[in-house]
């Protein structure tokens, strides 16, 4: 089959609080559109299921169960995500914690102010994965007021799911882009890689680097999109749940892996570990990566593509 037989189709939508795009190469628009609609529907399904902004979401069910001291049995998909989150909590020595919902809301940039020590202390009393009993498929909270937040894994999981659905619909060439987190459906029809950009942390709309990617996924964590600036100081939305304070770390960390879920987890953990330990951990992990510090210095094993 000749690459000339394929056309490129773009489908933009919004989900999970970010702009999303599917770029698919197919022999017919009808085939691309069918795949794109199914992939978009899957992203919206996951957004609705795990949103902490909706009372009717599973996260809302978790909150009600926590307040009532009740126990919930979760479905297989949720059990998979909870298992993954629990492993990240262990690997990060408690830095990655999906029970940090009260702290994340406390540092929401829309609040526009730095929380007091008293507010942080009160939020910490309702956080801690050690206060959650998780034995598949049963989930129980030991402290009322606890709030789980799966935002650190769901968007990346959704990118992987959307790419799989495109493949299931016969699309073998394309890119799923959910707010800059990418999963490749497959390379161009001639086997050539896609050229994808890594955002410049301090220059909105610009790319710090471009790379060639034929397979796998790319995810980026950083302090530049959901950031609160008070009296000239930047406060990241990435909070260390052990002390309730935003981390001081890289401006961004980008990681390439076989799945967006793994790439996103690695980039987030590197941010949580901080500059020195995060860089050493990424080197030890062995995944291709690019870090950018507050001064714009880039380091890592990802080689930018040449024009």
Protein backbone atom coordinates (compact mmCIF):
# COMPACT_ATOMS: atom_id res chain seq x y z
CA UNK A 1 0.00 0.00 0.00
CA UNK A 2 1.49 3.34 -1.06
CA UNK A 3 1.79 6.25 1.36
CA UNK A 4 0.22 8.42 -1.35
CA UNK A 5 -3.03 6.53 -0.75
CA UNK A 6 -3.29 8.10 2.72
CA UNK A 7 -4.60 11.49 3.72
CA UNK A 8 -4.08 13.30 7.01
CA UNK A 9 -7.09 14.22 9.13
CA UNK A 10 -7.16 16.35 12.30
CA UNK A 11 -9.83 16.31 14.99
CA UNK A 12 -9.72 18.80 17.86
CA UNK A 13 -11.75 18.68 21.07
CA UNK A 14 -11.50 19.64 24.73
CA UNK A 15 -11.42 17.21 27.65
CA UNK A 16 -9.80 16.86 31.06
CA UNK A 17 -9.32 20.62 31.23
CA UNK A 18 -7.02 20.79 28.21
CA UNK A 19 -7.05 21.03 24.40
CA UNK A 20 -6.87 17.65 22.68
CA UNK A 21 -6.15 16.60 19.12
CA UNK A 22 -6.15 13.42 17.08
CA UNK A 23 -3.98 13.44 13.95
CA UNK A 24 -4.77 10.37 11.87
CA UNK A 25 -3.58 9.22 8.47
CA UNK A 26 -6.03 6.97 6.68
CA UNK A 27 -7.18 5.96 3.22
CA UNK A 28 -10.62 7.47 3.73
CA UNK A 29 -12.09 10.29 5.77
CA UNK A 30 -14.99 8.07 6.83
CA UNK A 31 -12.65 5.52 8.39
CA UNK A 32 -10.63 8.22 10.17
CA UNK A 33 -13.78 9.94 11.44
CA UNK A 34 -15.22 6.71 12.84
CA UNK A 35 -12.00 6.01 14.74
CA UNK A 36 -11.71 9.60 15.95
CA UNK A 37 -15.27 9.67 17.26
CA UNK A 38 -14.74 6.43 19.16
CA UNK A 39 -11.42 7.64 20.60
CA UNK A 40 -12.88 10.99 21.65
CA UNK A 41 -15.84 9.25 23.29
CA UNK A 42 -13.41 7.12 25.31
CA UNK A 43 -11.54 10.19 26.55
CA UNK A 44 -14.82 11.84 27.57
CA UNK A 45 -15.90 8.63 29.32
CA UNK A 46 -12.76 8.57 31.42
CA UNK A 47 -13.02 12.29 32.10
CA UNK A 48 -16.55 11.87 33.44
CA UNK A 49 -15.69 8.73 35.40
CA UNK A 50 -12.67 10.11 37.25
CA UNK A 51 -13.40 13.85 37.41
CA UNK A 52 -13.11 15.46 40.84
CA UNK A 53 -15.28 18.33 39.59
CA UNK A 54 -18.41 16.16 39.21
CA UNK A 55 -20.55 14.83 42.02
CA UNK A 56 -21.69 11.92 39.85
CA UNK A 57 -18.17 10.64 39.12
CA UNK A 58 -16.47 7.68 40.74
CA UNK A 59 -14.27 10.17 42.59
CA UNK A 60 -17.49 11.60 44.04
CA UNK A 61 -18.47 8.09 45.13
CA UNK A 62 -15.09 7.76 46.85
CA UNK A 63 -15.66 11.01 48.72
CA UNK A 64 -19.08 9.92 49.95
CA UNK A 65 -17.69 6.54 51.01
CA UNK A 66 -14.87 8.22 52.93
CA UNK A 67 -17.27 10.53 54.79
CA UNK A 68 -19.58 7.63 55.63
CA UNK A 69 -16.80 5.22 56.61
CA UNK A 70 -18.13 2.83 53.97
CA UNK A 71 -16.31 0.26 51.84
CA UNK A 72 -16.47 0.18 48.04
CA UNK A 73 -15.79 -2.60 45.55
CA UNK A 74 -14.28 -1.09 42.40
CA UNK A 75 -14.31 -2.26 38.78
CA UNK A 76 -11.31 -3.85 37.05
CA UNK A 77 -10.23 -0.65 35.26
CA UNK A 78 -10.19 1.33 38.50
CA UNK A 79 -8.41 -1.50 40.29
CA UNK A 80 -5.68 -1.37 37.64
CA UNK A 81 -5.21 2.37 38.20
CA UNK A 82 -5.22 2.01 41.98
CA UNK A 83 -2.62 -0.77 41.79
CA UNK A 84 -0.46 1.45 39.58
CA UNK A 85 -0.86 4.41 41.93
CA UNK A 86 0.03 2.25 44.93
CA UNK A 87 3.24 1.10 43.20
CA UNK A 88 4.17 4.72 42.47
CA UNK A 89 3.58 5.63 46.11
CA UNK A 90 6.05 2.91 47.10
CA UNK A 91 8.64 3.83 44.46
CA UNK A 92 8.51 7.52 45.38
CA UNK A 93 8.74 6.89 49.12
CA UNK A 94 5.37 8.54 49.62
CA UNK A 95 5.88 11.53 47.33
CA UNK A 96 3.29 10.33 44.82
CA UNK A 97 0.01 10.00 46.70
CA UNK A 98 -3.44 9.97 45.10
CA UNK A 99 -4.98 10.69 48.51
CA UNK A 100 -3.47 14.19 48.41
CA UNK A 101 -6.72 15.62 47.00
CA UNK A 102 -7.27 18.06 49.92
CA UNK A 103 -3.76 19.47 49.42
CA UNK A 104 -4.13 19.76 45.64
CA UNK A 105 -7.33 21.74 46.08
CA UNK A 106 -5.65 23.92 48.70
CA UNK A 107 -2.93 24.91 46.20
CA UNK A 108 -5.33 25.36 43.26
CA UNK A 109 -4.10 28.41 41.29
CA UNK A 110 -7.69 29.68 41.08
CA UNK A 111 -7.57 30.35 44.83
CA UNK A 112 -4.95 32.97 44.15
CA UNK A 113 -3.36 32.87 47.58
CA UNK A 114 -0.86 30.84 49.54
CA UNK A 115 -2.60 28.69 52.17
CA UNK A 116 -1.73 29.21 55.82
CA UNK A 117 0.24 26.70 57.88
CA UNK A 118 -2.96 25.94 59.74
CA UNK A 119 -4.82 25.15 56.50
CA UNK A 120 -1.98 22.90 55.34
CA UNK A 121 -1.94 21.06 58.66
CA UNK A 122 -5.70 20.53 58.49
CA UNK A 123 -5.45 19.18 54.93
CA UNK A 124 -2.58 16.84 55.86
CA UNK A 125 -4.82 15.27 58.51
CA UNK A 126 -7.07 14.03 55.68
CA UNK A 127 -4.29 12.75 53.40
CA UNK A 128 -2.02 9.72 53.34
CA UNK A 129 -2.21 6.50 51.33
CA UNK A 130 -1.36 4.67 54.56
CA UNK A 131 -4.83 5.70 55.78
CA UNK A 132 -6.44 3.88 52.84
CA UNK A 133 -7.11 0.16 52.90
CA UNK A 134 -6.81 -1.19 49.35
CA UNK A 135 -7.15 -4.92 48.77
CA UNK A 136 -8.44 -5.58 45.30
CA UNK A 137 -11.28 -4.99 44.65
CA UNK A 138 -12.14 -3.47 48.04
CA UNK A 139 -11.40 0.14 49.00
CA UNK A 140 -11.88 1.62 52.47
CA UNK A 141 -10.95 4.97 54.02
CA UNK A 142 -10.05 5.19 57.67
CA UNK A 143 -10.44 8.99 57.93
CA UNK A 144 -13.55 11.01 56.97
CA UNK A 145 -12.85 13.85 54.58
CA UNK A 146 -10.29 11.97 52.51
CA UNK A 147 -10.35 12.72 48.79
CA UNK A 148 -8.67 10.64 46.10
CA UNK A 149 -7.41 12.37 42.97
CA UNK A 150 -6.40 10.23 40.00
CA UNK A 151 -5.50 13.25 37.87
CA UNK A 152 -1.85 12.19 37.96
CA UNK A 153 -2.53 9.06 35.90
CA UNK A 154 -5.91 9.32 34.14
CA UNK A 155 -4.97 11.69 31.30
CA UNK A 156 -2.01 9.55 30.32
CA UNK A 157 -4.10 6.39 30.60
CA UNK A 158 -6.73 8.06 28.40
CA UNK A 159 -4.13 8.83 25.72
CA UNK A 160 -3.11 5.18 25.63
CA UNK A 161 -6.74 4.05 25.48
CA UNK A 162 -7.57 6.49 22.66
CA UNK A 163 -4.60 5.26 20.60
CA UNK A 164 -5.64 1.64 21.13
CA UNK A 165 -9.18 2.39 20.02
CA UNK A 166 -7.86 4.00 16.84
CA UNK A 167 -5.86 0.85 16.13
CA UNK A 168 -8.89 -1.30 16.90
CA UNK A 169 -10.75 0.68 14.21
CA UNK A 170 -8.09 -0.10 11.63
CA UNK A 171 -6.02 3.09 11.91
CA UNK A 172 -2.30 2.32 12.02
CA UNK A 173 -0.82 5.79 11.59
CA UNK A 174 -1.36 8.78 13.84
CA UNK A 175 -0.88 10.64 17.10
CA UNK A 176 -3.13 11.18 20.11
CA UNK A 177 -2.35 14.47 21.85
CA UNK A 178 -4.05 15.20 25.18
CA UNK A 179 -2.73 18.53 26.36
CA UNK A 180 0.83 17.76 25.25
CA UNK A 181 0.88 14.16 26.47
CA UNK A 182 1.20 11.98 23.39
CA UNK A 183 0.64 8.36 22.46
CA UNK A 184 1.45 7.27 18.94
CA UNK A 185 -1.06 5.19 17.04
CA UNK A 186 1.78 4.36 14.68
CA UNK A 187 4.39 5.96 12.37
CA UNK A 188 3.63 7.55 9.02
CA UNK A 189 2.56 5.08 6.32
CA UNK A 190 6.11 5.00 4.91
CA UNK A 191 7.48 4.15 8.36
CA UNK A 192 8.87 7.62 9.00
CA UNK A 193 8.60 9.00 12.55
CA UNK A 194 6.42 11.89 13.63
CA UNK A 195 8.13 15.12 14.61
CA UNK A 196 6.69 16.21 17.95
CA UNK A 197 7.42 19.22 20.11
CA UNK A 198 8.25 19.61 23.79
CA UNK A 199 6.80 22.81 25.19
CA UNK A 200 9.06 25.61 26.35
CA UNK A 201 8.18 26.11 30.05
CA UNK A 202 8.55 29.90 30.03
CA UNK A 203 7.45 30.67 26.46
CA UNK A 204 3.77 29.79 25.85
CA UNK A 205 3.15 28.45 22.38
CA UNK A 206 6.84 27.79 21.69
CA UNK A 207 8.72 24.50 21.61
CA UNK A 208 11.87 23.99 23.64
CA UNK A 209 12.82 21.03 21.46
CA UNK A 210 11.49 18.82 18.69
CA UNK A 211 12.07 15.09 18.52
CA UNK A 212 11.34 12.29 16.07
CA UNK A 213 9.07 9.58 17.46
CA UNK A 214 7.82 6.54 15.58
CA UNK A 215 6.40 4.45 18.42
CA UNK A 216 5.53 4.72 22.09
CA UNK A 217 4.56 7.81 24.00
CA UNK A 218 5.83 11.11 25.34
CA UNK A 219 4.65 12.79 28.53
CA UNK A 220 5.71 16.01 30.23
CA UNK A 221 5.31 17.24 33.79
CA UNK A 222 6.11 20.81 34.74
CA UNK A 223 5.40 23.90 36.78
CA UNK A 224 4.27 26.14 33.94
CA UNK A 225 0.61 25.42 33.10
CA UNK A 226 -1.08 25.14 36.49
CA UNK A 227 1.02 27.54 38.49
CA UNK A 228 0.20 30.16 41.11
CA UNK A 229 2.32 33.30 41.28
CA UNK A 230 2.09 35.32 44.50
CA UNK A 231 4.38 38.29 45.20
CA UNK A 232 6.58 37.23 42.31
CA UNK A 233 7.09 33.67 43.54
CA UNK A 234 5.95 30.65 41.56
CA UNK A 235 4.10 27.83 43.32
CA UNK A 236 3.78 24.59 41.36
CA UNK A 237 0.59 22.51 41.42
CA UNK A 238 2.81 19.49 42.12
CA UNK A 239 2.66 19.17 45.90
CA UNK A 240 4.77 16.99 48.16
CA UNK A 241 2.11 15.20 50.25
CA UNK A 242 4.56 14.57 53.07
CA UNK A 243 4.73 18.26 54.04
CA UNK A 244 1.91 19.83 52.02
CA UNK A 245 4.16 22.25 50.13
CA UNK A 246 4.70 22.53 46.33
CA UNK A 247 7.97 21.06 45.13
CA UNK A 248 10.89 23.20 43.99
CA UNK A 249 12.16 21.26 41.03
CA UNK A 250 12.60 21.33 37.28
CA UNK A 251 10.54 23.63 35.09
CA UNK A 252 9.66 20.54 33.08
CA UNK A 253 10.52 16.88 32.68
CA UNK A 254 9.68 14.96 29.50
CA UNK A 255 9.98 11.18 29.24
CA UNK A 256 9.56 8.69 26.38
CA UNK A 257 8.21 5.22 27.19
CA UNK A 258 6.20 2.42 25.62
CA UNK A 259 3.01 3.89 27.14
CA UNK A 260 1.94 7.38 28.11
CA UNK A 261 0.92 6.04 31.53
CA UNK A 262 4.51 4.99 32.27
CA UNK A 263 6.02 8.12 30.70
CA UNK A 264 3.73 10.37 32.74
CA UNK A 265 4.48 8.54 35.96
CA UNK A 266 8.23 8.79 35.38
CA UNK A 267 8.11 12.50 34.59
CA UNK A 268 5.96 13.23 37.64
CA UNK A 269 8.15 11.23 40.02
CA UNK A 270 11.24 13.01 38.69
CA UNK A 271 9.55 16.35 39.46
CA UNK A 272 8.71 15.15 42.96
CA UNK A 273 12.27 13.92 43.61
CA UNK A 274 13.72 17.35 42.78
CA UNK A 275 16.67 18.51 40.72
CA UNK A 276 19.57 16.33 41.86
CA UNK A 277 17.79 13.16 42.87
CA UNK A 278 15.28 13.45 40.02
CA UNK A 279 18.04 13.67 37.41
CA UNK A 280 19.91 10.72 38.96
CA UNK A 281 16.71 8.67 39.16
CA UNK A 282 15.91 9.28 35.49
CA UNK A 283 19.40 8.19 34.46
CA UNK A 284 19.04 5.06 36.55
CA UNK A 285 15.60 4.38 35.09
CA UNK A 286 17.08 4.32 31.61
CA UNK A 287 14.13 5.88 29.78
CA UNK A 288 14.85 8.63 27.23
CA UNK A 289 14.20 11.99 28.91
CA UNK A 290 14.74 15.73 28.76
CA UNK A 291 14.82 18.04 31.78
CA UNK A 292 14.62 21.83 31.71
CA UNK A 293 15.51 23.83 34.81
CA UNK A 294 14.34 27.30 35.86
CA UNK A 295 17.18 28.91 33.89
CA UNK A 296 16.19 27.06 30.73
CA UNK A 297 19.13 24.65 30.77
CA UNK A 298 18.32 21.35 29.10
CA UNK A 299 19.79 17.97 29.99
CA UNK A 300 19.00 14.33 29.40
CA UNK A 301 19.23 11.59 26.84
CA UNK A 302 16.64 12.83 24.32
CA UNK A 303 18.39 14.18 21.24
CA UNK A 304 16.43 17.04 19.62
CA UNK A 305 15.64 16.49 15.94
CA UNK A 306 17.50 18.60 13.41
CA UNK A 307 15.54 20.66 10.90
